[in-house]
Amino acid sequence: MKIKRSWTYPAPVADVYAMVTDEAYQRRKSEATSTDGGTVELAQTADGGHLITVARVLPTDAFPENIRAMVGNTITVVETQTWGLAGDDGSRVADLAVDVKGTPASMKGTVTLTPVSDTQTRLDVDGDLKGGIPIIGGKIEKAAAPSFIHALEQEERIGTEYLAGN
């Protein structure tokens, strides 16, 4: 199942990238969606990019009962973004991997920061959510998709607040 979301931040790419690689921003993002506050790890990669790993515990209240019976009342979601160097225009691309621990569900894709103007950056998330089990994988994908979309909506809101200094 494709998960796509785009939004525009009122800041240049360099500022948005600085935000994305700031531990305080990642913690705010994690705390907004995790039942336990989550954990955040940031590291610089050998090529000068960044590796960001965020683990969150999410409720499964919105999951169908048969799926919740398989996964429990919460799921642990580990998101990894591996950011490369800036392009000539300042754009950035990250490989995105999301693993739902204890389940066959996962998502792979990209996060892209693209300059819209000197003062605006578009962030695009393009992922492929997989249920991982023949026959019922589609049901798992449909159950998990709203949690992924909610997390992206929170990321947009928190990023806008962060860039505004709130």
N, C-alpha and C. Protein backbone atom coordinates (compact mmCIF):
# COMPACT_ATOMS: atom_id res chain seq x y z
N MET A 1 0.85 -1.17 0.00
CA MET A 1 0.00 0.00 0.00
C MET A 1 0.90 1.24 0.00
N LYS A 2 0.66 2.11 -0.95
CA LYS A 2 1.45 3.33 -1.03
C LYS A 2 1.00 4.32 0.04
N ILE A 3 1.99 4.91 0.71
CA ILE A 3 1.75 6.00 1.65
C ILE A 3 2.51 7.19 1.11
N LYS A 4 1.78 8.23 0.70
CA LYS A 4 2.41 9.44 0.18
C LYS A 4 1.84 10.63 0.91
N ARG A 5 2.72 11.54 1.24
CA ARG A 5 2.29 12.77 1.91
C ARG A 5 3.31 13.84 1.57
N SER A 6 2.84 15.05 1.29
CA SER A 6 3.71 16.19 1.00
C SER A 6 3.19 17.41 1.73
N TRP A 7 4.10 18.25 2.16
CA TRP A 7 3.72 19.54 2.72
C TRP A 7 4.88 20.50 2.53
N THR A 8 4.60 21.78 2.72
CA THR A 8 5.61 22.82 2.53
C THR A 8 5.86 23.52 3.85
N TYR A 9 7.15 23.66 4.18
CA TYR A 9 7.56 24.41 5.36
C TYR A 9 7.99 25.81 4.95
N PRO A 10 7.73 26.81 5.79
CA PRO A 10 8.11 28.19 5.48
C PRO A 10 9.57 28.48 5.88
N ALA A 11 10.49 27.73 5.29
CA ALA A 11 11.91 27.88 5.62
C ALA A 11 12.75 27.28 4.50
N PRO A 12 13.99 27.75 4.34
CA PRO A 12 14.87 27.16 3.32
C PRO A 12 15.26 25.73 3.69
N VAL A 13 15.72 24.97 2.70
CA VAL A 13 16.08 23.57 2.89
C VAL A 13 17.10 23.40 4.02
N ALA A 14 18.11 24.25 4.07
CA ALA A 14 19.14 24.11 5.11
C ALA A 14 18.53 24.18 6.51
N ASP A 15 17.56 25.07 6.70
CA ASP A 15 16.91 25.19 8.01
C ASP A 15 16.04 23.97 8.31
N VAL A 16 15.34 23.47 7.30
CA VAL A 16 14.49 22.29 7.51
C VAL A 16 15.36 21.07 7.80
N TYR A 17 16.48 20.94 7.09
CA TYR A 17 17.38 19.82 7.35
C TYR A 17 17.98 19.93 8.76
N ALA A 18 18.34 21.14 9.16
CA ALA A 18 18.86 21.33 10.53
C ALA A 18 17.81 20.91 11.55
N MET A 19 16.54 21.22 11.28
CA MET A 19 15.46 20.81 12.17
C MET A 19 15.35 19.28 12.22
N VAL A 20 15.31 18.66 11.05
CA VAL A 20 15.13 17.21 10.96
C VAL A 20 16.24 16.48 11.70
N THR A 21 17.44 17.03 11.69
CA THR A 21 18.58 16.38 12.33
C THR A 21 18.83 16.90 13.74
N ASP A 22 17.87 17.63 14.30
CA ASP A 22 17.98 18.13 15.67
C ASP A 22 17.28 17.16 16.62
N GLU A 23 17.98 16.74 17.64
CA GLU A 23 17.42 15.77 18.58
C GLU A 23 16.17 16.31 19.28
N ALA A 24 16.15 17.60 19.59
CA ALA A 24 14.98 18.18 20.26
C ALA A 24 13.73 18.06 19.39
N TYR A 25 13.86 18.31 18.09
CA TYR A 25 12.73 18.16 17.17
C TYR A 25 12.29 16.70 17.11
N GLN A 26 13.24 15.78 16.96
CA GLN A 26 12.89 14.37 16.87
C GLN A 26 12.20 13.89 18.15
N ARG A 27 12.64 14.40 19.30
CA ARG A 27 11.99 14.02 20.56
C ARG A 27 10.55 14.54 20.62
N ARG A 28 10.34 15.79 20.19
CA ARG A 28 8.98 16.34 20.17
C ARG A 28 8.08 15.50 19.27
N LYS A 29 8.60 15.13 18.12
CA LYS A 29 7.84 14.31 17.17
C LYS A 29 7.50 12.96 17.80
N SER A 30 8.47 12.36 18.46
CA SER A 30 8.26 11.05 19.08
C SER A 30 7.25 11.14 20.23
N GLU A 31 7.41 12.15 21.07
CA GLU A 31 6.53 12.29 22.22
C GLU A 31 5.08 12.55 21.81
N ALA A 32 4.88 13.18 20.66
CA ALA A 32 3.52 13.49 20.20
C ALA A 32 2.75 12.26 19.76
N THR A 33 3.46 11.20 19.40
CA THR A 33 2.77 10.02 18.87
C THR A 33 2.98 8.76 19.70
N SER A 34 3.94 8.76 20.61
CA SER A 34 4.27 7.55 21.35
C SER A 34 3.61 7.53 22.72
N THR A 35 3.17 6.37 23.15
CA THR A 35 2.58 6.25 24.48
C THR A 35 3.64 6.28 25.57
N ASP A 36 4.91 6.04 25.21
CA ASP A 36 5.98 6.02 26.21
C ASP A 36 7.05 7.09 25.97
N GLY A 37 6.81 8.02 25.09
CA GLY A 37 7.79 9.07 24.79
C GLY A 37 8.79 8.68 23.73
N GLY A 38 9.04 7.38 23.59
CA GLY A 38 9.94 6.90 22.55
C GLY A 38 11.41 7.12 22.85
N THR A 39 12.24 6.66 21.94
CA THR A 39 13.68 6.87 22.02
C THR A 39 14.16 7.44 20.70
N VAL A 40 15.21 8.26 20.78
CA VAL A 40 15.77 8.92 19.60
C VAL A 40 17.27 8.74 19.61
N GLU A 41 17.81 8.35 18.46
CA GLU A 41 19.26 8.25 18.28
C GLU A 41 19.63 8.96 16.99
N LEU A 42 20.62 9.85 17.05
CA LEU A 42 21.12 10.55 15.87
C LEU A 42 22.62 10.34 15.77
N ALA A 43 23.10 10.16 14.54
CA ALA A 43 24.53 10.00 14.31
C ALA A 43 24.87 10.55 12.94
N GLN A 44 26.09 11.06 12.82
CA GLN A 44 26.55 11.49 11.51
C GLN A 44 27.13 10.28 10.79
N THR A 45 26.84 10.16 9.50
CA THR A 45 27.35 9.04 8.72
C THR A 45 28.73 9.38 8.18
N ALA A 46 29.44 8.35 7.73
CA ALA A 46 30.81 8.53 7.23
C ALA A 46 30.86 9.50 6.05
N ASP A 47 29.79 9.56 5.26
CA ASP A 47 29.80 10.45 4.09
C ASP A 47 29.31 11.86 4.41
N GLY A 48 29.03 12.15 5.69
CA GLY A 48 28.61 13.49 6.07
C GLY A 48 27.11 13.67 6.18
N GLY A 49 26.35 12.62 5.91
CA GLY A 49 24.90 12.68 6.09
C GLY A 49 24.54 12.38 7.54
N HIS A 50 23.32 11.98 7.77
CA HIS A 50 22.87 11.67 9.13
C HIS A 50 22.03 10.40 9.15
N LEU A 51 22.13 9.67 10.25
CA LEU A 51 21.31 8.50 10.52
C LEU A 51 20.44 8.83 11.72
N ILE A 52 19.14 8.74 11.54
CA ILE A 52 18.18 9.05 12.60
C ILE A 52 17.35 7.80 12.85
N THR A 53 17.31 7.37 14.12
CA THR A 53 16.49 6.21 14.49
C THR A 53 15.57 6.63 15.62
N VAL A 54 14.28 6.46 15.40
CA VAL A 54 13.27 6.82 16.40
C VAL A 54 12.40 5.59 16.64
N ALA A 55 12.29 5.17 17.91
CA ALA A 55 11.42 4.05 18.28
C ALA A 55 10.25 4.60 19.09
N ARG A 56 9.04 4.20 18.72
CA ARG A 56 7.83 4.68 19.39
C ARG A 56 6.90 3.51 19.68
N VAL A 57 6.18 3.62 20.78
CA VAL A 57 5.12 2.66 21.10
C VAL A 57 3.80 3.34 20.77
N LEU A 58 3.04 2.72 19.87
CA LEU A 58 1.77 3.30 19.41
C LEU A 58 0.60 2.43 19.83
N PRO A 59 -0.52 3.05 20.19
CA PRO A 59 -1.71 2.26 20.54
C PRO A 59 -2.32 1.64 19.29
N THR A 60 -3.01 0.54 19.48
CA THR A 60 -3.68 -0.14 18.36
C THR A 60 -5.20 -0.01 18.47
N ASP A 61 -5.67 0.98 19.22
CA ASP A 61 -7.11 1.16 19.44
C ASP A 61 -7.91 1.21 18.15
N ALA A 62 -7.36 1.81 17.11
CA ALA A 62 -8.10 1.97 15.85
C ALA A 62 -8.01 0.74 14.95
N PHE A 63 -7.22 -0.25 15.34
CA PHE A 63 -7.08 -1.46 14.53
C PHE A 63 -8.35 -2.31 14.64
N PRO A 64 -8.69 -3.04 13.60
CA PRO A 64 -9.80 -4.00 13.72
C PRO A 64 -9.48 -5.03 14.81
N GLU A 65 -10.51 -5.52 15.46
CA GLU A 65 -10.34 -6.44 16.60
C GLU A 65 -9.49 -7.65 16.23
N ASN A 66 -9.69 -8.23 15.05
CA ASN A 66 -8.93 -9.43 14.69
C ASN A 66 -7.44 -9.13 14.53
N ILE A 67 -7.09 -7.95 14.06
CA ILE A 67 -5.67 -7.57 13.94
C ILE A 67 -5.11 -7.26 15.32
N ARG A 68 -5.88 -6.52 16.14
CA ARG A 68 -5.42 -6.19 17.50
C ARG A 68 -5.21 -7.46 18.31
N ALA A 69 -6.01 -8.49 18.08
CA ALA A 69 -5.83 -9.76 18.78
C ALA A 69 -4.48 -10.38 18.44
N MET A 70 -3.99 -10.13 17.23
CA MET A 70 -2.68 -10.68 16.83
C MET A 70 -1.52 -9.85 17.36
N VAL A 71 -1.67 -8.51 17.43
CA VAL A 71 -0.53 -7.65 17.76
C VAL A 71 -0.57 -7.09 19.18
N GLY A 72 -1.72 -7.12 19.83
CA GLY A 72 -1.83 -6.59 21.18
C GLY A 72 -2.33 -5.15 21.19
N ASN A 73 -2.29 -4.53 22.38
CA ASN A 73 -2.83 -3.18 22.56
C ASN A 73 -1.90 -2.08 22.07
N THR A 74 -0.62 -2.43 21.87
CA THR A 74 0.35 -1.46 21.35
C THR A 74 1.28 -2.16 20.37
N ILE A 75 1.91 -1.35 19.54
CA ILE A 75 2.96 -1.84 18.64
C ILE A 75 4.17 -0.94 18.81
N THR A 76 5.35 -1.51 18.64
CA THR A 76 6.58 -0.72 18.66
C THR A 76 7.02 -0.50 17.22
N VAL A 77 7.13 0.77 16.86
CA VAL A 77 7.50 1.15 15.50
C VAL A 77 8.88 1.79 15.54
N VAL A 78 9.80 1.25 14.75
CA VAL A 78 11.16 1.80 14.66
C VAL A 78 11.33 2.41 13.27
N GLU A 79 11.55 3.72 13.25
CA GLU A 79 11.73 4.47 12.01
C GLU A 79 13.19 4.85 11.87
N THR A 80 13.76 4.56 10.71
CA THR A 80 15.15 4.92 10.42
C THR A 80 15.19 5.76 9.16
N GLN A 81 15.84 6.91 9.26
CA GLN A 81 16.07 7.77 8.10
C GLN A 81 17.58 7.90 7.91
N THR A 82 18.05 7.60 6.71
CA THR A 82 19.47 7.73 6.38
C THR A 82 19.60 8.82 5.34
N TRP A 83 20.07 9.99 5.78
CA TRP A 83 20.16 11.18 4.93
C TRP A 83 21.50 11.25 4.23
N GLY A 84 21.47 11.57 2.95
CA GLY A 84 22.68 11.78 2.17
C GLY A 84 23.05 13.25 2.14
N LEU A 85 24.05 13.54 1.34
CA LEU A 85 24.54 14.91 1.20
C LEU A 85 23.57 15.76 0.38
N ALA A 86 23.71 17.07 0.51
CA ALA A 86 22.86 18.00 -0.23
C ALA A 86 23.19 17.95 -1.72
N GLY A 87 22.15 18.07 -2.54
CA GLY A 87 22.34 18.19 -3.98
C GLY A 87 22.77 19.61 -4.34
N ASP A 88 23.04 19.85 -5.59
CA ASP A 88 23.49 21.17 -6.04
C ASP A 88 22.49 22.27 -5.70
N ASP A 89 21.21 21.93 -5.69
CA ASP A 89 20.17 22.92 -5.37
C ASP A 89 19.84 22.96 -3.88
N GLY A 90 20.59 22.18 -3.07
CA GLY A 90 20.35 22.13 -1.63
C GLY A 90 19.41 21.02 -1.21
N SER A 91 18.78 20.35 -2.17
CA SER A 91 17.82 19.30 -1.84
C SER A 91 18.51 18.15 -1.10
N ARG A 92 17.72 17.41 -0.36
CA ARG A 92 18.21 16.26 0.41
C ARG A 92 17.26 15.10 0.23
N VAL A 93 17.82 13.88 0.26
CA VAL A 93 17.01 12.67 0.18
C VAL A 93 17.46 11.72 1.29
N ALA A 94 16.48 11.11 1.94
CA ALA A 94 16.76 10.09 2.95
C ALA A 94 16.10 8.79 2.53
N ASP A 95 16.80 7.69 2.75
CA ASP A 95 16.17 6.38 2.66
C ASP A 95 15.38 6.20 3.95
N LEU A 96 14.15 5.75 3.83
CA LEU A 96 13.25 5.58 4.96
C LEU A 96 12.95 4.10 5.14
N ALA A 97 13.10 3.62 6.37
CA ALA A 97 12.72 2.24 6.71
C ALA A 97 11.94 2.29 8.02
N VAL A 98 10.77 1.68 8.02
CA VAL A 98 9.94 1.62 9.22
C VAL A 98 9.62 0.15 9.48
N ASP A 99 9.95 -0.29 10.69
CA ASP A 99 9.73 -1.69 11.07
C ASP A 99 8.75 -1.72 12.24
N VAL A 100 7.70 -2.51 12.12
CA VAL A 100 6.75 -2.70 13.21
C VAL A 100 7.16 -3.99 13.91
N LYS A 101 7.83 -3.84 15.05
CA LYS A 101 8.41 -4.98 15.78
C LYS A 101 7.36 -6.02 16.14
N GLY A 102 7.74 -7.27 16.00
CA GLY A 102 6.85 -8.37 16.36
C GLY A 102 5.76 -8.64 15.35
N THR A 103 5.81 -7.95 14.21
CA THR A 103 4.82 -8.16 13.15
C THR A 103 5.57 -8.25 11.82
N PRO A 104 4.91 -8.70 10.79
CA PRO A 104 5.54 -8.71 9.47
C PRO A 104 5.39 -7.38 8.74
N ALA A 105 4.77 -6.39 9.38
CA ALA A 105 4.53 -5.11 8.71
C ALA A 105 5.79 -4.25 8.69
N SER A 106 6.00 -3.58 7.56
CA SER A 106 7.13 -2.67 7.42
C SER A 106 6.83 -1.69 6.30
N MET A 107 7.62 -0.63 6.27
CA MET A 107 7.50 0.34 5.18
C MET A 107 8.89 0.76 4.75
N LYS A 108 9.09 0.84 3.46
CA LYS A 108 10.34 1.33 2.88
C LYS A 108 9.98 2.46 1.93
N GLY A 109 10.87 3.44 1.84
CA GLY A 109 10.61 4.55 0.94
C GLY A 109 11.66 5.62 1.05
N THR A 110 11.25 6.85 0.76
CA THR A 110 12.16 7.99 0.81
C THR A 110 11.47 9.18 1.45
N VAL A 111 12.31 10.06 2.00
CA VAL A 111 11.88 11.38 2.44
C VAL A 111 12.74 12.35 1.66
N THR A 112 12.11 13.34 1.02
CA THR A 112 12.84 14.28 0.18
C THR A 112 12.55 15.70 0.63
N LEU A 113 13.61 16.50 0.74
CA LEU A 113 13.48 17.94 0.99
C LEU A 113 13.87 18.65 -0.30
N THR A 114 12.96 19.45 -0.84
CA THR A 114 13.18 20.13 -2.11
C THR A 114 12.89 21.61 -1.96
N PRO A 115 13.81 22.48 -2.42
CA PRO A 115 13.51 23.91 -2.33
C PRO A 115 12.37 24.29 -3.27
N VAL A 116 11.40 25.02 -2.73
CA VAL A 116 10.32 25.58 -3.52
C VAL A 116 10.70 27.00 -3.92
N SER A 117 11.35 27.69 -2.98
CA SER A 117 11.87 29.04 -3.18
C SER A 117 12.99 29.23 -2.16
N ASP A 118 13.51 30.44 -2.06
CA ASP A 118 14.55 30.70 -1.06
C ASP A 118 14.02 30.60 0.36
N THR A 119 12.70 30.67 0.51
CA THR A 119 12.11 30.68 1.85
C THR A 119 11.11 29.56 2.10
N GLN A 120 11.04 28.58 1.18
CA GLN A 120 10.10 27.48 1.35
C GLN A 120 10.72 26.16 0.91
N THR A 121 10.37 25.10 1.64
CA THR A 121 10.86 23.75 1.35
C THR A 121 9.69 22.78 1.33
N ARG A 122 9.64 21.96 0.31
CA ARG A 122 8.63 20.90 0.25
C ARG A 122 9.24 19.62 0.81
N LEU A 123 8.52 18.97 1.72
CA LEU A 123 8.91 17.67 2.25
C LEU A 123 7.96 16.64 1.66
N ASP A 124 8.53 15.62 1.03
CA ASP A 124 7.75 14.54 0.43
C ASP A 124 8.12 13.22 1.10
N VAL A 125 7.11 12.50 1.55
CA VAL A 125 7.30 11.14 2.05
C VAL A 125 6.64 10.22 1.03
N ASP A 126 7.39 9.26 0.55
CA ASP A 126 6.88 8.30 -0.43
C ASP A 126 7.28 6.91 0.05
N GLY A 127 6.31 6.18 0.58
CA GLY A 127 6.61 4.87 1.16
C GLY A 127 5.71 3.78 0.63
N ASP A 128 6.18 2.56 0.81
CA ASP A 128 5.42 1.37 0.42
C ASP A 128 5.24 0.51 1.67
N LEU A 129 4.02 0.50 2.20
CA LEU A 129 3.68 -0.25 3.40
C LEU A 129 3.33 -1.68 3.01
N LYS A 130 3.98 -2.65 3.66
CA LYS A 130 3.75 -4.06 3.36
C LYS A 130 3.26 -4.78 4.61
N GLY A 131 2.24 -5.62 4.42
CA GLY A 131 1.70 -6.42 5.52
C GLY A 131 2.52 -7.67 5.78
N GLY A 132 3.17 -8.20 4.77
CA GLY A 132 4.11 -9.29 4.94
C GLY A 132 3.55 -10.69 5.10
N ILE A 133 2.23 -10.86 5.07
CA ILE A 133 1.65 -12.19 5.19
C ILE A 133 0.68 -12.38 4.02
N PRO A 134 0.88 -13.44 3.24
CA PRO A 134 -0.06 -13.69 2.15
C PRO A 134 -1.49 -13.79 2.68
N ILE A 135 -2.41 -13.39 1.93
CA ILE A 135 -3.86 -13.42 2.17
C ILE A 135 -4.30 -12.31 3.14
N ILE A 136 -3.70 -12.21 4.33
CA ILE A 136 -4.16 -11.19 5.29
C ILE A 136 -3.27 -9.95 5.32
N GLY A 137 -2.20 -9.94 4.52
CA GLY A 137 -1.30 -8.79 4.52
C GLY A 137 -2.00 -7.49 4.20
N GLY A 138 -2.95 -7.53 3.27
CA GLY A 138 -3.70 -6.32 2.91
C GLY A 138 -4.50 -5.78 4.08
N LYS A 139 -5.04 -6.67 4.91
CA LYS A 139 -5.79 -6.23 6.09
C LYS A 139 -4.85 -5.57 7.10
N ILE A 140 -3.65 -6.13 7.24
CA ILE A 140 -2.66 -5.54 8.14
C ILE A 140 -2.28 -4.15 7.63
N GLU A 141 -2.06 -4.02 6.33
CA GLU A 141 -1.71 -2.73 5.74
C GLU A 141 -2.80 -1.70 6.00
N LYS A 142 -4.06 -2.09 5.76
CA LYS A 142 -5.18 -1.17 5.98
C LYS A 142 -5.31 -0.79 7.45
N ALA A 143 -5.00 -1.71 8.35
CA ALA A 143 -5.08 -1.42 9.78
C ALA A 143 -3.96 -0.49 10.22
N ALA A 144 -2.76 -0.68 9.66
CA ALA A 144 -1.60 0.11 10.07
C ALA A 144 -1.54 1.48 9.41
N ALA A 145 -2.08 1.62 8.21
CA ALA A 145 -1.96 2.88 7.45
C ALA A 145 -2.42 4.11 8.23
N PRO A 146 -3.56 4.09 8.92
CA PRO A 146 -3.97 5.30 9.65
C PRO A 146 -2.95 5.75 10.70
N SER A 147 -2.27 4.81 11.36
CA SER A 147 -1.24 5.18 12.34
C SER A 147 -0.07 5.88 11.67
N PHE A 148 0.33 5.38 10.50
CA PHE A 148 1.42 6.01 9.76
C PHE A 148 1.01 7.41 9.31
N ILE A 149 -0.20 7.55 8.79
CA ILE A 149 -0.67 8.85 8.31
C ILE A 149 -0.80 9.83 9.46
N HIS A 150 -1.31 9.37 10.61
CA HIS A 150 -1.42 10.24 11.79
C HIS A 150 -0.03 10.73 12.21
N ALA A 151 0.95 9.85 12.21
CA ALA A 151 2.31 10.25 12.59
C ALA A 151 2.85 11.31 11.63
N LEU A 152 2.57 11.17 10.34
CA LEU A 152 3.02 12.17 9.37
C LEU A 152 2.31 13.50 9.58
N GLU A 153 1.04 13.48 9.90
CA GLU A 153 0.31 14.72 10.18
C GLU A 153 0.89 15.42 11.40
N GLN A 154 1.24 14.64 12.42
CA GLN A 154 1.87 15.22 13.61
C GLN A 154 3.24 15.81 13.27
N GLU A 155 3.98 15.11 12.43
CA GLU A 155 5.30 15.59 12.02
C GLU A 155 5.18 16.95 11.32
N GLU A 156 4.21 17.09 10.45
CA GLU A 156 4.00 18.38 9.76
C GLU A 156 3.69 19.48 10.77
N ARG A 157 2.77 19.22 11.68
CA ARG A 157 2.38 20.21 12.68
C ARG A 157 3.55 20.60 13.57
N ILE A 158 4.26 19.61 14.07
CA ILE A 158 5.38 19.88 14.98
C ILE A 158 6.50 20.61 14.25
N GLY A 159 6.77 20.23 13.01
CA GLY A 159 7.79 20.92 12.24
C GLY A 159 7.46 22.38 12.01
N THR A 160 6.21 22.67 11.69
CA THR A 160 5.78 24.05 11.49
C THR A 160 5.93 24.85 12.79
N GLU A 161 5.53 24.26 13.92
CA GLU A 161 5.69 24.92 15.21
C GLU A 161 7.16 25.14 15.54
N TYR A 162 7.98 24.14 15.31
CA TYR A 162 9.42 24.21 15.59
C TYR A 162 10.05 25.36 14.80
N LEU A 163 9.76 25.43 13.51
CA LEU A 163 10.34 26.47 12.66
C LEU A 163 9.84 27.87 13.04
N ALA A 164 8.64 27.94 13.63
CA ALA A 164 8.10 29.23 14.08
C ALA A 164 8.64 29.62 15.45
N GLY A 165 9.44 28.73 16.05
CA GLY A 165 10.02 29.03 17.35
C GLY A 165 9.15 28.65 18.52
N ASN A 166 8.14 27.85 18.28
CA ASN A 166 7.23 27.41 19.36
C ASN A 166 7.59 26.03 19.86
